[in-house]
Amino acid sequence: MEKNKLHAFRNFIIPRRFNYEVEDIEKSLKDLSDILFAKIVLSDDRDIKEIHIITKDSSNPKRITRDIESFLLA
């Protein structure tokens, strides 16, 4: 695998490798509106494999998803 290879995610081009501290990103995600808990699971290659989110009952899932995508792509 190429180290700097890019791949597409929902029509966005993002770096293949996740080079940030996961704990810092999880903490920042919890600061988004309505998010109570965030956990990021990385693959062995440091690709984002899973994102687990717990929100308030009144949260709109589509809005939360868009907020997370926007945050990670910023």
C-alpha atoms as a PDB file:
ATOM      1  CA  MET A   1       0.000   0.000   0.000  1.00  0.00           C
ATOM      2  CA  GLU A   2       1.146   3.500  -0.775  1.00  0.00           C
ATOM      3  CA  LYS A   3       1.617   5.657   2.295  1.00  0.00           C
ATOM      4  CA  ASN A   4       0.154   8.831   0.782  1.00  0.00           C
ATOM      5  CA  LYS A   5      -2.629   7.250  -1.228  1.00  0.00           C
ATOM      6  CA  LEU A   6      -5.957   9.105  -1.241  1.00  0.00           C
ATOM      7  CA  HIS A   7      -9.395   7.544  -1.262  1.00  0.00           C
ATOM      8  CA  ALA A   8     -12.944   8.788  -1.657  1.00  0.00           C
ATOM      9  CA  PHE A   9     -15.489   9.014   1.143  1.00  0.00           C
ATOM     10  CA  ARG A  10     -18.986  10.204   0.235  1.00  0.00           C
ATOM     11  CA  ASN A  11     -17.653  12.195  -2.729  1.00  0.00           C
ATOM     12  CA  PHE A  12     -14.834  13.760  -0.672  1.00  0.00           C
ATOM     13  CA  ILE A  13     -11.151  13.010  -1.147  1.00  0.00           C
ATOM     14  CA  ILE A  14      -9.441  12.497   2.184  1.00  0.00           C
ATOM     15  CA  PRO A  15      -5.952  11.358   3.162  1.00  0.00           C
ATOM     16  CA  ARG A  16      -5.724   7.608   3.597  1.00  0.00           C
ATOM     17  CA  ARG A  17      -3.808   7.767   6.873  1.00  0.00           C
ATOM     18  CA  PHE A  18      -5.318   9.203  10.030  1.00  0.00           C
ATOM     19  CA  ASN A  19      -2.411  11.140  11.535  1.00  0.00           C
ATOM     20  CA  TYR A  20      -4.052  12.746  14.548  1.00  0.00           C
ATOM     21  CA  GLU A  21      -4.261  11.589  18.141  1.00  0.00           C
ATOM     22  CA  VAL A  22      -7.523   9.687  18.377  1.00  0.00           C
ATOM     23  CA  GLU A  23      -8.189  10.855  21.930  1.00  0.00           C
ATOM     24  CA  ASP A  24      -7.996  14.515  20.860  1.00  0.00           C
ATOM     25  CA  ILE A  25     -10.444  13.946  18.000  1.00  0.00           C
ATOM     26  CA  GLU A  26     -12.843  12.025  20.255  1.00  0.00           C
ATOM     27  CA  LYS A  27     -12.753  14.856  22.800  1.00  0.00           C
ATOM     28  CA  SER A  28     -13.460  17.422  20.072  1.00  0.00           C
ATOM     29  CA  LEU A  29     -16.339  15.340  18.705  1.00  0.00           C
ATOM     30  CA  LYS A  30     -17.913  15.336  22.189  1.00  0.00           C
ATOM     31  CA  ASP A  31     -17.886  19.141  22.032  1.00  0.00           C
ATOM     32  CA  LEU A  32     -20.239  19.058  19.028  1.00  0.00           C
ATOM     33  CA  SER A  33     -23.903  19.715  19.740  1.00  0.00           C
ATOM     34  CA  ASP A  34     -25.868  16.748  21.192  1.00  0.00           C
ATOM     35  CA  ILE A  35     -22.930  14.282  21.240  1.00  0.00           C
ATOM     36  CA  LEU A  36     -22.469  12.591  24.607  1.00  0.00           C
ATOM     37  CA  PHE A  37     -19.835   9.968  23.701  1.00  0.00           C
ATOM     38  CA  ALA A  38     -17.477   9.371  20.765  1.00  0.00           C
ATOM     39  CA  LYS A  39     -15.119   6.469  20.069  1.00  0.00           C
ATOM     40  CA  ILE A  40     -12.953   6.075  16.945  1.00  0.00           C
ATOM     41  CA  VAL A  41     -11.590   2.661  15.984  1.00  0.00           C
ATOM     42  CA  LEU A  42      -8.611   2.571  13.627  1.00  0.00           C
ATOM     43  CA  SER A  43      -7.410  -0.274  11.433  1.00  0.00           C
ATOM     44  CA  ASP A  44      -3.825  -1.510  11.626  1.00  0.00           C
ATOM     45  CA  ASP A  45      -3.013   0.922   8.788  1.00  0.00           C
ATOM     46  CA  ARG A  46      -4.468   3.839  10.834  1.00  0.00           C
ATOM     47  CA  ASP A  47      -7.500   4.181   8.555  1.00  0.00           C
ATOM     48  CA  ILE A  48     -10.734   5.053  10.335  1.00  0.00           C
ATOM     49  CA  LYS A  49     -12.508   1.726  10.593  1.00  0.00           C
ATOM     50  CA  GLU A  50     -15.440   2.647  12.842  1.00  0.00           C
ATOM     51  CA  ILE A  51     -16.882   5.670  14.616  1.00  0.00           C
ATOM     52  CA  HIS A  52     -19.209   5.061  17.559  1.00  0.00           C
ATOM     53  CA  ILE A  53     -21.407   7.938  18.718  1.00  0.00           C
ATOM     54  CA  ILE A  54     -23.960   8.265  21.515  1.00  0.00           C
ATOM     55  CA  THR A  55     -26.261  11.281  21.315  1.00  0.00           C
ATOM     56  CA  LYS A  56     -29.164  12.822  23.176  1.00  0.00           C
ATOM     57  CA  ASP A  57     -32.596  11.326  22.438  1.00  0.00           C
ATOM     58  CA  SER A  58     -33.765  14.443  20.635  1.00  0.00           C
ATOM     59  CA  SER A  59     -30.888  14.460  18.130  1.00  0.00           C
ATOM     60  CA  ASN A  60     -31.456  14.297  14.390  1.00  0.00           C
ATOM     61  CA  PRO A  61     -29.227  11.428  13.128  1.00  0.00           C
ATOM     62  CA  LYS A  62     -28.740  12.962   9.697  1.00  0.00           C
ATOM     63  CA  ARG A  63     -27.583  16.289  11.187  1.00  0.00           C
ATOM     64  CA  ILE A  64     -25.218  14.531  13.591  1.00  0.00           C
ATOM     65  CA  THR A  65     -23.721  12.532  10.705  1.00  0.00           C
ATOM     66  CA  ARG A  66     -23.193  15.688   8.657  1.00  0.00           C
ATOM     67  CA  ASP A  67     -21.641  17.492  11.631  1.00  0.00           C
ATOM     68  CA  ILE A  68     -19.173  14.639  12.177  1.00  0.00           C
ATOM     69  CA  GLU A  69     -18.286  14.400   8.487  1.00  0.00           C
ATOM     70  CA  SER A  70     -17.744  18.157   8.275  1.00  0.00           C
ATOM     71  CA  PHE A  71     -15.616  18.137  11.410  1.00  0.00           C
ATOM     72  CA  LEU A  72     -13.385  15.289  10.190  1.00  0.00           C
ATOM     73  CA  LEU A  73     -12.939  16.804   6.743  1.00  0.00           C
ATOM     74  CA  ALA A  74     -12.121  20.301   8.059  1.00  0.00           C
END
